[in-house]
C-alpha atoms as a PDB file:
ATOM      1  CA  MET A   1       3.037   3.334 -11.215  1.00  0.00           C
ATOM      2  CA  LEU A   2       2.765   5.929  -8.433  1.00  0.00           C
ATOM      3  CA  ARG A   3       2.487   8.781 -10.867  1.00  0.00           C
ATOM      4  CA  THR A   4      -0.706   7.676 -12.668  1.00  0.00           C
ATOM      5  CA  PRO A   5      -4.116   9.391 -11.649  1.00  0.00           C
ATOM      6  CA  ALA A   6      -4.609   6.591  -9.212  1.00  0.00           C
ATOM      7  CA  GLY A   7      -1.157   7.297  -7.870  1.00  0.00           C
ATOM      8  CA  GLY A   8      -2.700   9.738  -5.218  1.00  0.00           C
ATOM      9  CA  THR A   9      -4.614   6.773  -3.899  1.00  0.00           C
ATOM     10  CA  ARG A  10      -1.582   4.458  -3.574  1.00  0.00           C
ATOM     11  CA  LEU A  11       0.459   7.182  -1.924  1.00  0.00           C
ATOM     12  CA  ARG A  12      -2.441   7.661   0.659  1.00  0.00           C
ATOM     13  CA  ILE A  13      -2.426   3.917   1.387  1.00  0.00           C
ATOM     14  CA  LEU A  14       1.401   4.072   1.877  1.00  0.00           C
ATOM     15  CA  ALA A  15       1.036   7.045   4.078  1.00  0.00           C
ATOM     16  CA  TRP A  16      -1.835   5.397   6.161  1.00  0.00           C
ATOM     17  CA  LEU A  17       0.290   2.354   6.571  1.00  0.00           C
ATOM     18  CA  ALA A  18       3.001   4.435   8.135  1.00  0.00           C
ATOM     19  CA  GLU A  19       0.867   5.345  11.020  1.00  0.00           C
ATOM     20  CA  PRO A  20       1.863   3.503  14.070  1.00  0.00           C
ATOM     21  CA  ASP A  21      -1.459   1.790  14.678  1.00  0.00           C
ATOM     22  CA  THR A  22      -1.962   0.647  11.207  1.00  0.00           C
ATOM     23  CA  ALA A  23       1.675  -0.246  10.581  1.00  0.00           C
ATOM     24  CA  GLU A  24       1.544  -2.694  13.479  1.00  0.00           C
ATOM     25  CA  ARG A  25      -1.809  -4.473  12.285  1.00  0.00           C
ATOM     26  CA  GLY A  26      -1.528  -3.888   8.564  1.00  0.00           C
ATOM     27  CA  LEU A  27      -4.573  -3.288   6.233  1.00  0.00           C
ATOM     28  CA  THR A  28      -7.007  -5.485   4.444  1.00  0.00           C
ATOM     29  CA  ALA A  29      -8.737  -4.584   1.221  1.00  0.00           C
ATOM     30  CA  ASP A  30     -11.947  -3.955   3.176  1.00  0.00           C
ATOM     31  CA  ASP A  31     -10.195  -1.523   5.426  1.00  0.00           C
ATOM     32  CA  VAL A  32      -8.839   0.368   2.367  1.00  0.00           C
ATOM     33  CA  ALA A  33     -12.257   0.270   0.754  1.00  0.00           C
ATOM     34  CA  ALA A  34     -14.063   1.745   3.711  1.00  0.00           C
ATOM     35  CA  ARG A  35     -11.395   4.405   4.476  1.00  0.00           C
ATOM     36  CA  LEU A  36     -11.223   5.637   0.852  1.00  0.00           C
ATOM     37  CA  GLY A  37     -14.723   5.078  -0.188  1.00  0.00           C
ATOM     38  CA  VAL A  38     -14.006   2.894  -3.121  1.00  0.00           C
ATOM     39  CA  PRO A  39     -15.230  -0.514  -3.962  1.00  0.00           C
ATOM     40  CA  ARG A  40     -13.270  -3.591  -2.533  1.00  0.00           C
ATOM     41  CA  PRO A  41     -12.191  -4.845  -5.923  1.00  0.00           C
ATOM     42  CA  ALA A  42     -10.553  -1.392  -6.523  1.00  0.00           C
ATOM     43  CA  ALA A  43      -8.938  -1.318  -3.136  1.00  0.00           C
ATOM     44  CA  LEU A  44      -7.672  -4.828  -3.688  1.00  0.00           C
ATOM     45  CA  THR A  45      -6.227  -3.798  -7.115  1.00  0.00           C
ATOM     46  CA  HIS A  46      -4.237  -1.077  -5.436  1.00  0.00           C
ATOM     47  CA  LEU A  47      -2.904  -3.189  -2.708  1.00  0.00           C
ATOM     48  CA  ARG A  48      -1.866  -5.983  -5.126  1.00  0.00           C
ATOM     49  CA  LEU A  49      -0.184  -3.596  -7.473  1.00  0.00           C
ATOM     50  CA  LEU A  50       1.887  -2.137  -4.459  1.00  0.00           C
ATOM     51  CA  ALA A  51       2.676  -5.545  -3.324  1.00  0.00           C
ATOM     52  CA  ALA A  52       3.732  -6.459  -6.918  1.00  0.00           C
ATOM     53  CA  LEU A  53       6.128  -3.476  -6.870  1.00  0.00           C
ATOM     54  CA  GLY A  54       7.605  -4.807  -3.543  1.00  0.00           C
ATOM     55  CA  LEU A  55       6.303  -1.841  -1.552  1.00  0.00           C
ATOM     56  CA  LEU A  56       3.915  -3.949   0.482  1.00  0.00           C
ATOM     57  CA  HIS A  57       3.932  -7.450   1.995  1.00  0.00           C
ATOM     58  CA  PRO A  58       0.888  -9.490   2.331  1.00  0.00           C
ATOM     59  CA  THR A  59       0.612 -11.709   5.423  1.00  0.00           C
ATOM     60  CA  GLY A  60      -1.957 -14.077   6.729  1.00  0.00           C
ATOM     61  CA  GLN A  61      -4.958 -15.475   5.039  1.00  0.00           C
ATOM     62  CA  ASP A  62      -7.880 -15.697   7.489  1.00  0.00           C
ATOM     63  CA  GLY A  63     -10.213 -12.901   6.521  1.00  0.00           C
ATOM     64  CA  GLY A  64      -7.982 -11.978   3.604  1.00  0.00           C
ATOM     65  CA  PRO A  65      -4.365 -10.933   3.656  1.00  0.00           C
ATOM     66  CA  ARG A  66      -3.197  -7.964   5.633  1.00  0.00           C
ATOM     67  CA  TYR A  67      -0.679  -5.664   3.854  1.00  0.00           C
ATOM     68  CA  ARG A  68       2.219  -3.996   5.612  1.00  0.00           C
ATOM     69  CA  ARG A  69       4.852  -1.623   4.101  1.00  0.00           C
ATOM     70  CA  ASP A  70       8.366  -2.899   3.122  1.00  0.00           C
ATOM     71  CA  GLU A  71      10.407  -0.161   4.589  1.00  0.00           C
ATOM     72  CA  ILE A  72      13.502  -1.354   2.889  1.00  0.00           C
ATOM     73  CA  ARG A  73      12.046  -1.377  -0.490  1.00  0.00           C
ATOM     74  CA  LEU A  74      10.383   2.021   0.179  1.00  0.00           C
ATOM     75  CA  ALA A  75      13.815   3.444   1.030  1.00  0.00           C
ATOM     76  CA  GLU A  76      15.330   1.999  -2.123  1.00  0.00           C
ATOM     77  CA  VAL A  77      12.619   3.562  -4.213  1.00  0.00           C
ATOM     78  CA  THR A  78      12.921   6.914  -2.414  1.00  0.00           C
ATOM     79  CA  GLN A  79      16.683   6.957  -3.200  1.00  0.00           C
ATOM     80  CA  LEU A  80      15.918   6.298  -6.942  1.00  0.00           C
ATOM     81  CA  PHE A  81      13.440   9.312  -7.009  1.00  0.00           C
ATOM     82  CA  GLU A  82      15.921  11.566  -5.054  1.00  0.00           C
ATOM     83  CA  LYS A  83      18.512  10.868  -7.814  1.00  0.00           C
ATOM     84  CA  GLY A  84      16.278  11.970 -10.478  1.00  0.00           C
ATOM     85  CA  TRP A  85      15.101   8.604 -11.828  1.00  0.00           C
END
């Protein structure tokens, strides 16, 4: 899922969520759409896919969910790739 042509976008979202300010508050679909210059539905698709993979956790509902990284799951996936998965 991360190696598809849209994979660069998903990796950028994960990297952005690693920045201290962003990691603390999380991101909404509107944040991602504005930052990446994509339509909100496209941003939401990327966020939902990353959440379905367990790499992000949605929290809160007022104004839409905010997504944050799941550092434990990301570490597990990183290990899989390092082992040549």
